[in-house]
């Protein structure tokens, strides 16, 4: 869960798109989509829609929030400048299209297409959610933070252990749901204390902790 869109995130998105082009040349993305039962064209459409959707946050509700003293520190010739982050005492809870809704829909399609046992699905998702919850933490003025490799590595290990021949789709589902449930939804109680104008489930976009988690988890299986 992250705060609203910013120019720095646009730069991050551009860098990630550049990285994606390199990965495509290495045919890693094609390998991932093949494991998930998608053709290269279907996979690229999924990535394209996810990238576009990463810029869209759908507001759900607004909650009262505390106003912690959060400020940006900038080094200037005159010394260290402290700039307070503006905050009006309310946080809008939103859902990111590319980082949450699209991965959730795709996960649902994987559950429909692959006969993954319900017990394995519940067990792996529950374990990954707990680990993501324990590994993530609220950061005032920003949102919920977590080390990038925690979720994909956890999802891959769990999926290989319990998924059998369906390890790849289970890794994507587990990684996606694990971050959404563990890092975002289970930290909802902390949102009012973050002092951020917008808290978006799904982060800043497609590759911000959720969609990339599923992709990397599949690569590791």
Protein backbone atom coordinates (compact mmCIF):
# COMPACT_ATOMS: atom_id res chain seq x y z
CA UNK A 1 0.00 0.00 0.00
CA UNK A 2 1.45 3.34 -1.04
CA UNK A 3 0.49 6.97 -1.25
CA UNK A 4 -0.57 8.93 -4.35
CA UNK A 5 1.17 9.16 -7.71
CA UNK A 6 4.25 11.39 -7.98
CA UNK A 7 6.83 12.36 -10.63
CA UNK A 8 9.39 10.07 -9.00
CA UNK A 9 7.05 7.15 -9.55
CA UNK A 10 6.63 8.13 -13.18
CA UNK A 11 10.41 7.96 -13.49
CA UNK A 12 10.36 4.59 -11.77
CA UNK A 13 7.69 3.41 -14.20
CA UNK A 14 9.81 4.53 -17.17
CA UNK A 15 12.83 2.71 -15.77
CA UNK A 16 10.76 -0.42 -15.21
CA UNK A 17 9.44 -0.29 -18.77
CA UNK A 18 13.04 -0.08 -20.00
CA UNK A 19 13.93 -3.03 -17.80
CA UNK A 20 10.92 -4.89 -19.16
CA UNK A 21 12.15 -4.43 -22.73
CA UNK A 22 15.49 -5.94 -21.75
CA UNK A 23 13.76 -8.86 -20.06
CA UNK A 24 11.62 -9.44 -23.16
CA UNK A 25 14.77 -9.66 -25.26
CA UNK A 26 16.01 -12.33 -22.88
CA UNK A 27 12.74 -14.24 -23.41
CA UNK A 28 12.20 -14.54 -19.67
CA UNK A 29 8.73 -13.03 -19.89
CA UNK A 30 7.76 -15.52 -22.60
CA UNK A 31 8.92 -18.32 -20.31
CA UNK A 32 6.79 -16.97 -17.46
CA UNK A 33 3.66 -16.68 -19.58
CA UNK A 34 4.17 -20.15 -21.03
CA UNK A 35 4.23 -21.54 -17.49
CA UNK A 36 0.97 -19.69 -16.81
CA UNK A 37 -0.71 -20.99 -19.98
CA UNK A 38 -0.57 -17.72 -21.94
CA UNK A 39 0.69 -17.06 -25.46
CA UNK A 40 3.35 -14.35 -25.93
CA UNK A 41 0.70 -11.99 -27.36
CA UNK A 42 -1.67 -12.60 -24.43
CA UNK A 43 1.19 -12.06 -22.00
CA UNK A 44 2.22 -8.77 -23.57
CA UNK A 45 -1.39 -7.55 -23.50
CA UNK A 46 -1.54 -8.41 -19.80
CA UNK A 47 1.65 -6.43 -19.17
CA UNK A 48 0.44 -3.50 -21.26
CA UNK A 49 -2.90 -3.24 -19.46
CA UNK A 50 -1.16 -3.61 -16.13
CA UNK A 51 1.29 -0.82 -16.93
CA UNK A 52 -1.50 1.48 -18.04
CA UNK A 53 -3.63 0.56 -15.03
CA UNK A 54 -0.76 1.25 -12.66
CA UNK A 55 -1.46 4.97 -13.07
CA UNK A 56 -5.11 4.60 -11.99
CA UNK A 57 -6.29 4.60 -8.37
CA UNK A 58 -9.99 4.01 -7.70
CA UNK A 59 -11.03 5.71 -4.43
CA UNK A 60 -13.13 3.59 -2.06
CA UNK A 61 -13.55 5.64 1.11
CA UNK A 62 -12.01 8.37 3.22
CA UNK A 63 -10.93 7.96 6.83
CA UNK A 64 -9.76 10.35 9.54
CA UNK A 65 -6.05 10.14 10.09
CA UNK A 66 -3.47 11.40 12.53
CA UNK A 67 -1.04 14.09 11.47
CA UNK A 68 2.49 12.89 12.28
CA UNK A 69 5.41 15.25 11.83
CA UNK A 70 6.73 14.07 8.48
CA UNK A 71 9.12 16.22 6.50
CA UNK A 72 11.52 16.08 3.56
CA UNK A 73 15.16 16.96 4.24
CA UNK A 74 17.07 18.69 1.43
CA UNK A 75 20.72 19.71 1.49
CA UNK A 76 21.21 23.31 0.31
CA UNK A 77 24.22 25.65 0.25
CA UNK A 78 22.70 27.37 3.28
CA UNK A 79 22.38 24.09 5.16
CA UNK A 80 19.79 21.35 5.71
CA UNK A 81 16.28 22.47 4.70
CA UNK A 82 13.26 20.83 6.36
CA UNK A 83 10.10 20.87 4.22
CA UNK A 84 6.93 19.55 5.91
CA UNK A 85 4.72 17.24 3.83
CA UNK A 86 1.23 18.79 3.48
CA UNK A 87 -1.54 16.72 5.02
CA UNK A 88 -5.17 17.65 5.79
CA UNK A 89 -6.00 14.94 8.33
CA UNK A 90 -7.79 12.57 5.95
CA UNK A 91 -6.59 9.51 4.07
CA UNK A 92 -8.35 8.22 0.97
CA UNK A 93 -8.34 4.43 0.69
CA UNK A 94 -8.05 3.48 -2.98
CA UNK A 95 -7.46 0.41 -5.16
CA UNK A 96 -4.77 0.49 -7.82
CA UNK A 97 -5.99 -0.97 -11.12
CA UNK A 98 -2.67 -2.27 -12.42
CA UNK A 99 -1.19 -3.35 -9.13
CA UNK A 100 -4.26 -4.93 -7.54
CA UNK A 101 -7.38 -5.40 -9.69
CA UNK A 102 -5.70 -6.85 -12.79
CA UNK A 103 -3.48 -9.29 -10.81
CA UNK A 104 -6.54 -10.37 -8.81
CA UNK A 105 -8.58 -11.02 -11.96
CA UNK A 106 -5.70 -12.94 -13.52
CA UNK A 107 -5.23 -14.97 -10.32
CA UNK A 108 -8.94 -15.86 -10.42
CA UNK A 109 -8.54 -17.03 -14.03
CA UNK A 110 -5.58 -19.23 -13.02
CA UNK A 111 -7.66 -20.78 -10.23
CA UNK A 112 -10.40 -21.49 -12.78
CA UNK A 113 -8.07 -22.97 -15.45
CA UNK A 114 -5.75 -25.06 -13.26
CA UNK A 115 -7.13 -27.77 -10.93
CA UNK A 116 -5.15 -26.57 -7.92
CA UNK A 117 -6.45 -28.25 -4.74
CA UNK A 118 -8.32 -25.78 -2.53
CA UNK A 119 -6.41 -26.96 0.52
CA UNK A 120 -3.06 -26.18 -1.13
CA UNK A 121 -4.33 -22.79 -2.30
CA UNK A 122 -5.53 -21.79 1.17
CA UNK A 123 -2.40 -23.10 2.89
CA UNK A 124 0.11 -21.41 0.59
CA UNK A 125 -1.79 -18.13 0.49
CA UNK A 126 -2.13 -18.11 4.27
CA UNK A 127 1.57 -18.80 4.84
CA UNK A 128 2.69 -16.16 2.34
CA UNK A 129 0.26 -13.60 3.78
CA UNK A 130 1.60 -14.12 7.30
CA UNK A 131 5.22 -13.79 6.17
CA UNK A 132 4.41 -10.66 4.14
CA UNK A 133 2.64 -9.16 7.14
CA UNK A 134 5.60 -9.83 9.43
CA UNK A 135 8.11 -8.55 6.84
CA UNK A 136 6.24 -5.32 6.05
CA UNK A 137 6.01 -2.21 8.18
CA UNK A 138 4.19 1.14 8.10
CA UNK A 139 6.31 4.12 7.06
CA UNK A 140 4.87 7.53 8.10
CA UNK A 141 4.14 9.78 5.16
CA UNK A 142 4.70 7.01 2.62
CA UNK A 143 2.73 3.81 3.22
CA UNK A 144 3.51 0.15 3.86
CA UNK A 145 7.06 -0.89 3.00
CA UNK A 146 8.55 -4.34 2.46
CA UNK A 147 11.81 -5.67 0.98
CA UNK A 148 11.12 -6.51 -2.70
CA UNK A 149 12.38 -10.12 -2.71
CA UNK A 150 10.55 -11.33 0.41
CA UNK A 151 7.23 -12.07 -1.28
CA UNK A 152 8.45 -13.68 -4.55
CA UNK A 153 11.04 -15.91 -2.86
CA UNK A 154 8.52 -16.93 -0.19
CA UNK A 155 5.81 -17.64 -2.80
CA UNK A 156 8.22 -19.69 -4.94
CA UNK A 157 9.44 -21.83 -2.04
CA UNK A 158 5.92 -22.46 -0.78
CA UNK A 159 4.58 -23.23 -4.26
CA UNK A 160 7.40 -25.68 -5.04
CA UNK A 161 6.79 -27.39 -1.69
CA UNK A 162 3.01 -27.76 -1.98
CA UNK A 163 2.15 -27.13 -5.64
CA UNK A 164 3.57 -30.14 -7.45
CA UNK A 165 2.95 -29.83 -11.20
CA UNK A 166 0.98 -26.62 -10.60
CA UNK A 167 3.86 -24.85 -8.83
CA UNK A 168 4.08 -22.02 -11.40
CA UNK A 169 0.44 -20.83 -11.32
CA UNK A 170 0.32 -21.40 -7.58
CA UNK A 171 3.45 -19.25 -7.15
CA UNK A 172 1.79 -16.36 -9.03
CA UNK A 173 -1.45 -16.66 -7.08
CA UNK A 174 0.32 -17.04 -3.74
CA UNK A 175 2.69 -14.14 -4.38
CA UNK A 176 -0.08 -11.83 -5.54
CA UNK A 177 -2.59 -12.63 -2.81
CA UNK A 178 0.12 -12.83 -0.16
CA UNK A 179 1.17 -9.21 -0.72
CA UNK A 180 -2.38 -7.87 -1.04
CA UNK A 181 -3.60 -9.65 2.09
CA UNK A 182 -0.47 -9.61 4.24
CA UNK A 183 1.21 -6.32 3.36
CA UNK A 184 -1.89 -4.26 2.56
CA UNK A 185 -5.15 -5.52 4.05
CA UNK A 186 -3.68 -6.80 7.32
CA UNK A 187 -2.07 -3.38 7.85
CA UNK A 188 -5.29 -1.43 7.35
CA UNK A 189 -5.34 -0.70 11.08
CA UNK A 190 -2.11 1.26 10.66
CA UNK A 191 -3.27 3.50 7.81
CA UNK A 192 -4.75 6.21 10.02
CA UNK A 193 -1.35 6.72 11.65
CA UNK A 194 0.68 7.07 8.44
CA UNK A 195 -0.23 10.66 7.64
CA UNK A 196 -0.52 10.03 3.90
CA UNK A 197 -3.23 11.66 1.71
CA UNK A 198 -3.87 8.48 -0.33
CA UNK A 199 -3.29 4.83 0.61
CA UNK A 200 -3.61 2.70 -2.51
CA UNK A 201 -4.00 -1.08 -2.27
CA UNK A 202 -1.67 -2.35 -4.92
CA UNK A 203 0.97 0.29 -4.49
CA UNK A 204 2.19 2.82 -7.03
CA UNK A 205 1.49 0.42 -9.87
CA UNK A 206 2.00 -2.85 -11.67
CA UNK A 207 5.52 -3.71 -10.60
CA UNK A 208 5.38 -2.13 -7.15
CA UNK A 209 5.39 -5.21 -4.95
CA UNK A 210 2.39 -7.16 -6.28
CA UNK A 211 2.45 -7.83 -10.01
CA UNK A 212 6.24 -8.16 -10.10
CA UNK A 213 6.03 -10.49 -7.11
CA UNK A 214 3.90 -12.92 -9.09
CA UNK A 215 6.18 -12.75 -12.14
CA UNK A 216 9.39 -13.27 -10.14
CA UNK A 217 7.79 -16.08 -8.13
CA UNK A 218 6.96 -17.94 -11.36
CA UNK A 219 10.53 -17.45 -12.63
CA UNK A 220 11.88 -19.02 -9.44
CA UNK A 221 9.74 -22.17 -9.76
